[in-house]
Amino acid sequence: MIADGGAAVELHGFVWEWEWELPLLIALLAVEGGYFAVRAWSARRGRERDRSRSALAYFTAGILVVAFAVVSPIGANDERLLSMHMLEHDLLMWVAAPLMVLGVMPLLAKADWMPALARRSVILVTRPATAVTIATVFVWAWHAPSAYGLALTNDAAHAVEHLCYLVAYFIYWWPLIAAPSVIGGLRSNAARAGYLIAGSLQSGLLAALLAFADEPWYPHYLHVPGATAASALADQGLAGALMLYPGAIVFLFAAVLTIRTRERER
């Protein structure tokens, strides 16, 4: 525990409550319903029936993680504590997004049924260089003080921020999870290793900048009741650590899992 000035460890402003946001829950139910509809259509066409149950479980788990991240005390405190806001983003980017990729992969693995424009778009955004660039741009852009401050004070901007993280990292995880024969799939373990390094370096650098900053980046957290400059800075350090260390574990786990999986496919 950080003593004296490091009062952020005491989580000033933290409240143990759940925020049941009806628009969010309706949107998530609509997404799940849309997934069911596409899955039923795919089953009628005889696509990937043997994987449908596991894919459904993955996608539904991803939806539940999104709901938990936003409505649980983690999300309820994201305007009070930067560390909780960062943990919320971790769940969206590193847990929900790859689960949803696993759920959607059997349905979108082949692009022959898509309209030409949609097929070209999918091919473009799932190219590894494009995917890692999209993830990097969205993460860094939304952590700029002006954009982050807007998300904290405007509900619509906050929802867009979360959607951007989810979509950007859905795209990021796709080339890594996809088999080599699938659109966007990386074709060698060396390519997967390089891709993971690129993704981990950009997020790790941002996390380190946050963790070791000399002053708070976001003035909003200085005005939380009971907060001080020291507590806001300590909370920011904790937020950086929550991005850096769990992120490193996720990327390491992803490397081990995907490389082992691809070796078995040979």
Protein backbone atom coordinates (compact mmCIF):
# COMPACT_ATOMS: atom_id res chain seq x y z
CA MET A 1 0.00 0.00 0.00
CA ILE A 2 1.20 3.50 -0.81
CA ALA A 3 1.24 5.61 2.31
CA ASP A 4 0.90 9.32 3.04
CA GLY A 5 0.46 11.26 -0.22
CA GLY A 6 -0.29 8.14 -2.25
CA ALA A 7 -3.89 8.16 -1.13
CA ALA A 8 -5.09 6.83 -4.49
CA VAL A 9 -4.42 3.35 -3.21
CA GLU A 10 -7.35 3.97 -0.88
CA LEU A 11 -9.43 4.56 -4.03
CA HIS A 12 -10.84 7.97 -3.18
CA GLY A 13 -14.33 8.30 -4.55
CA PHE A 14 -14.85 4.57 -5.11
CA VAL A 15 -18.44 3.48 -4.67
CA TRP A 16 -19.67 -0.08 -4.65
CA GLU A 17 -22.57 0.12 -7.05
CA TRP A 18 -23.81 -1.23 -10.34
CA GLU A 19 -25.02 1.09 -13.10
CA TRP A 20 -27.74 -0.68 -15.04
CA GLU A 21 -27.64 1.37 -18.23
CA LEU A 22 -30.77 0.42 -20.16
CA PRO A 23 -29.59 1.73 -23.58
CA LEU A 24 -26.39 -0.31 -23.27
CA LEU A 25 -28.22 -3.47 -22.28
CA ILE A 26 -30.69 -3.05 -25.14
CA ALA A 27 -27.80 -2.52 -27.57
CA LEU A 28 -26.00 -5.64 -26.33
CA LEU A 29 -29.18 -7.70 -26.60
CA ALA A 30 -29.65 -6.39 -30.14
CA VAL A 31 -26.08 -7.41 -31.04
CA GLU A 32 -26.63 -10.86 -29.55
CA GLY A 33 -29.92 -11.15 -31.45
CA GLY A 34 -28.20 -10.16 -34.68
CA TYR A 35 -25.56 -12.78 -34.06
CA PHE A 36 -28.25 -15.42 -33.55
CA ALA A 37 -29.89 -14.39 -36.82
CA VAL A 38 -26.65 -14.62 -38.82
CA ARG A 39 -25.81 -17.91 -37.13
CA ALA A 40 -29.21 -19.36 -38.05
CA TRP A 41 -28.81 -18.18 -41.63
CA SER A 42 -25.33 -19.72 -41.77
CA ALA A 43 -26.62 -23.02 -40.36
CA ARG A 44 -29.32 -23.18 -43.03
CA ARG A 45 -26.59 -22.85 -45.65
CA GLY A 46 -24.64 -25.66 -44.01
CA ARG A 47 -21.73 -23.54 -42.81
CA GLU A 48 -19.64 -24.55 -39.79
CA ARG A 49 -22.38 -26.43 -37.96
CA ASP A 50 -19.87 -28.40 -35.92
CA ARG A 51 -18.44 -25.20 -34.43
CA SER A 52 -21.68 -23.34 -33.86
CA ARG A 53 -22.07 -24.17 -30.17
CA SER A 54 -18.55 -23.20 -29.16
CA ALA A 55 -18.73 -20.07 -31.32
CA LEU A 56 -22.01 -19.10 -29.66
CA ALA A 57 -20.45 -19.59 -26.23
CA TYR A 58 -17.44 -17.43 -27.12
CA PHE A 59 -19.52 -14.61 -28.58
CA THR A 60 -21.99 -14.61 -25.69
CA ALA A 61 -19.11 -14.58 -23.22
CA GLY A 62 -17.69 -11.56 -25.01
CA ILE A 63 -21.03 -9.75 -24.74
CA LEU A 64 -21.22 -10.57 -21.03
CA VAL A 65 -17.69 -9.23 -20.48
CA VAL A 66 -18.69 -5.95 -22.17
CA ALA A 67 -21.73 -5.70 -19.92
CA PHE A 68 -19.71 -6.51 -16.80
CA ALA A 69 -17.00 -3.98 -17.67
CA VAL A 70 -19.50 -1.15 -18.07
CA VAL A 71 -22.26 -1.79 -15.52
CA SER A 72 -20.25 -3.31 -12.65
CA PRO A 73 -18.45 -1.18 -10.02
CA ILE A 74 -15.54 -1.07 -12.46
CA GLY A 75 -17.56 0.95 -14.95
CA ALA A 76 -19.53 2.76 -12.26
CA ASN A 77 -16.27 4.28 -10.98
CA ASP A 78 -14.63 5.10 -14.30
CA GLU A 79 -15.41 8.81 -13.89
CA ARG A 80 -14.00 8.81 -10.34
CA LEU A 81 -10.84 6.74 -10.78
CA LEU A 82 -8.55 6.49 -13.78
CA SER A 83 -7.46 3.04 -12.64
CA MET A 84 -11.03 1.75 -12.88
CA HIS A 85 -11.42 3.36 -16.29
CA MET A 86 -8.25 1.60 -17.45
CA LEU A 87 -9.42 -1.74 -16.08
CA GLU A 88 -12.67 -1.24 -17.97
CA HIS A 89 -10.71 -0.71 -21.19
CA ASP A 90 -8.53 -3.76 -20.48
CA LEU A 91 -11.63 -5.94 -20.32
CA LEU A 92 -12.98 -4.55 -23.59
CA MET A 93 -9.72 -4.81 -25.55
CA TRP A 94 -8.09 -7.92 -24.16
CA VAL A 95 -10.98 -10.12 -23.08
CA ALA A 96 -14.23 -9.18 -24.83
CA ALA A 97 -12.73 -8.46 -28.27
CA PRO A 98 -10.87 -11.78 -28.76
CA LEU A 99 -13.85 -13.74 -27.42
CA MET A 100 -16.08 -12.06 -29.97
CA VAL A 101 -13.57 -12.80 -32.73
CA LEU A 102 -13.68 -16.48 -31.77
CA GLY A 103 -17.46 -16.31 -31.94
CA VAL A 104 -17.62 -14.60 -35.32
CA MET A 105 -14.72 -16.39 -37.00
CA PRO A 106 -16.70 -19.44 -38.23
CA LEU A 107 -19.31 -17.15 -39.77
CA LEU A 108 -16.93 -14.74 -41.50
CA ALA A 109 -13.96 -17.01 -42.18
CA LYS A 110 -14.84 -17.13 -45.87
CA ALA A 111 -15.77 -14.02 -47.80
CA ASP A 112 -17.30 -15.69 -50.88
CA TRP A 113 -20.86 -14.95 -49.71
CA MET A 114 -20.24 -11.24 -49.05
CA PRO A 115 -21.05 -8.43 -51.47
CA ALA A 116 -17.92 -7.30 -53.32
CA LEU A 117 -17.56 -4.01 -51.43
CA ALA A 118 -17.93 -5.71 -48.02
CA ARG A 119 -15.45 -8.40 -49.03
CA ARG A 120 -12.86 -5.83 -50.10
CA SER A 121 -13.38 -3.90 -46.86
CA VAL A 122 -12.88 -7.00 -44.71
CA ILE A 123 -9.74 -7.93 -46.62
CA LEU A 124 -8.38 -4.40 -46.21
CA VAL A 125 -8.96 -3.93 -42.47
CA THR A 126 -7.75 -7.43 -41.53
CA ARG A 127 -4.39 -6.98 -43.20
CA PRO A 128 -1.93 -7.18 -40.27
CA ALA A 129 -0.34 -3.78 -40.92
CA THR A 130 -3.76 -2.14 -41.18
CA ALA A 131 -5.12 -3.93 -38.10
CA VAL A 132 -2.25 -2.98 -35.80
CA THR A 133 -2.34 0.59 -37.12
CA ILE A 134 -6.07 0.90 -36.40
CA ALA A 135 -5.60 -0.40 -32.85
CA THR A 136 -2.67 1.94 -32.23
CA VAL A 137 -4.41 5.03 -33.59
CA PHE A 138 -7.60 4.46 -31.60
CA VAL A 139 -5.84 3.72 -28.31
CA TRP A 140 -3.46 6.67 -28.49
CA ALA A 141 -6.07 9.08 -29.84
CA TRP A 142 -8.58 8.32 -27.07
CA HIS A 143 -5.90 8.66 -24.40
CA ALA A 144 -5.07 12.19 -25.53
CA PRO A 145 -6.20 14.51 -22.71
CA SER A 146 -8.73 16.37 -24.86
CA ALA A 147 -10.43 13.22 -26.17
CA TYR A 148 -10.29 11.48 -22.81
CA GLY A 149 -11.76 14.51 -21.09
CA LEU A 150 -14.60 14.63 -23.60
CA ALA A 151 -15.41 10.97 -22.92
CA LEU A 152 -15.56 11.67 -19.20
CA THR A 153 -18.01 14.53 -19.56
CA ASN A 154 -20.18 13.41 -22.49
CA ASP A 155 -22.11 10.12 -22.37
CA ALA A 156 -22.33 9.80 -26.15
CA ALA A 157 -18.57 10.34 -26.54
CA HIS A 158 -17.96 7.82 -23.76
CA ALA A 159 -20.05 5.21 -25.58
CA VAL A 160 -18.19 5.94 -28.82
CA GLU A 161 -14.87 5.55 -27.00
CA HIS A 162 -15.83 2.10 -25.75
CA LEU A 163 -17.11 1.09 -29.18
CA CYS A 164 -13.86 2.24 -30.77
CA TYR A 165 -11.78 0.13 -28.39
CA LEU A 166 -13.95 -2.91 -28.97
CA VAL A 167 -13.98 -2.60 -32.76
CA ALA A 168 -10.29 -1.70 -33.03
CA TYR A 169 -9.21 -4.68 -30.98
CA PHE A 170 -11.69 -6.99 -32.68
CA ILE A 171 -9.79 -6.08 -35.84
CA TYR A 172 -6.42 -6.40 -34.07
CA TRP A 173 -7.04 -9.91 -32.77
CA TRP A 174 -8.46 -11.19 -36.06
CA PRO A 175 -5.16 -11.82 -37.95
CA LEU A 176 -3.70 -13.56 -34.92
CA ILE A 177 -6.67 -15.86 -34.26
CA ALA A 178 -7.51 -16.60 -37.91
CA ALA A 179 -6.04 -19.72 -39.48
CA PRO A 180 -3.62 -19.12 -42.38
CA SER A 181 -6.33 -20.11 -44.86
CA VAL A 182 -8.76 -17.50 -43.51
CA ILE A 183 -8.96 -13.87 -44.63
CA GLY A 184 -6.27 -11.85 -42.84
CA GLY A 185 -4.73 -14.87 -41.11
CA LEU A 186 -1.01 -14.63 -40.41
CA ARG A 187 0.85 -17.39 -42.24
CA SER A 188 3.87 -18.07 -40.03
CA ASN A 189 4.87 -18.11 -36.39
CA ALA A 190 7.50 -15.45 -37.13
CA ALA A 191 4.76 -13.18 -38.47
CA ARG A 192 2.61 -13.82 -35.39
CA ALA A 193 5.52 -13.05 -33.08
CA GLY A 194 6.26 -9.79 -34.90
CA TYR A 195 2.60 -8.84 -34.87
CA LEU A 196 2.30 -9.43 -31.13
CA ILE A 197 5.47 -7.47 -30.46
CA ALA A 198 4.15 -4.52 -32.47
CA GLY A 199 0.86 -4.57 -30.59
CA SER A 200 2.43 -4.94 -27.17
CA LEU A 201 5.06 -2.26 -27.73
CA GLN A 202 2.59 0.47 -28.63
CA SER A 203 0.28 -0.24 -25.68
CA GLY A 204 3.22 -0.83 -23.35
CA LEU A 205 4.76 2.51 -24.25
CA LEU A 206 1.49 4.32 -23.55
CA ALA A 207 1.13 2.47 -20.25
CA ALA A 208 4.66 3.38 -19.21
CA LEU A 209 4.13 7.04 -20.05
CA LEU A 210 1.03 7.05 -17.86
CA ALA A 211 2.62 5.11 -15.02
CA PHE A 212 5.78 7.20 -14.76
CA ALA A 213 4.38 10.65 -15.56
CA ASP A 214 5.36 13.49 -13.23
CA GLU A 215 1.89 15.03 -13.19
CA PRO A 216 -1.70 13.92 -13.82
CA TRP A 217 -2.70 13.84 -17.49
CA TYR A 218 -6.41 14.31 -16.90
CA PRO A 219 -7.56 17.31 -14.81
CA HIS A 220 -10.99 15.69 -14.35
CA TYR A 221 -9.62 13.34 -11.70
CA LEU A 222 -8.22 16.22 -9.67
CA HIS A 223 -11.77 17.37 -8.96
CA VAL A 224 -13.14 14.09 -7.61
CA PRO A 225 -14.30 14.66 -4.01
CA GLY A 226 -11.48 13.82 -1.61
CA ALA A 227 -8.83 13.65 -4.32
CA THR A 228 -5.55 15.55 -4.26
CA ALA A 229 -2.85 16.04 -6.88
CA ALA A 230 -0.83 13.30 -5.15
CA SER A 231 -3.73 10.85 -5.05
CA ALA A 232 -4.64 11.53 -8.70
CA LEU A 233 -1.03 10.94 -9.75
CA ALA A 234 -0.82 7.72 -7.74
CA ASP A 235 -4.09 6.54 -9.27
CA GLN A 236 -2.68 7.34 -12.71
CA GLY A 237 0.38 5.26 -11.88
CA LEU A 238 -1.89 2.39 -10.91
CA ALA A 239 -3.81 2.83 -14.18
CA GLY A 240 -0.58 2.60 -16.16
CA ALA A 241 0.37 -0.55 -14.27
CA LEU A 242 -3.06 -2.06 -14.96
CA MET A 243 -2.48 -1.48 -18.66
CA LEU A 244 1.15 -2.57 -18.68
CA TYR A 245 1.35 -5.74 -16.62
CA PRO A 246 -1.95 -7.50 -17.43
CA GLY A 247 -1.34 -6.50 -21.06
CA ALA A 248 2.05 -8.21 -21.03
CA ILE A 249 0.44 -11.36 -19.62
CA VAL A 250 -2.29 -11.30 -22.27
CA PHE A 251 0.20 -10.88 -25.11
CA LEU A 252 2.44 -13.64 -23.72
CA PHE A 253 -0.53 -15.99 -23.35
CA ALA A 254 -1.65 -15.13 -26.89
CA ALA A 255 1.83 -15.89 -28.23
CA VAL A 256 2.04 -19.27 -26.52
CA LEU A 257 -1.51 -20.25 -27.47
CA THR A 258 -1.40 -19.25 -31.13
CA ILE A 259 2.06 -20.60 -31.84
CA ARG A 260 1.23 -23.95 -30.25
CA THR A 261 -2.06 -24.08 -32.10
CA ARG A 262 -0.45 -23.37 -35.46
CA GLU A 263 2.26 -25.95 -34.86
CA ARG A 264 -0.45 -28.60 -34.36
CA GLU A 265 -2.04 -27.56 -37.66
CA ARG A 266 1.09 -28.46 -39.61
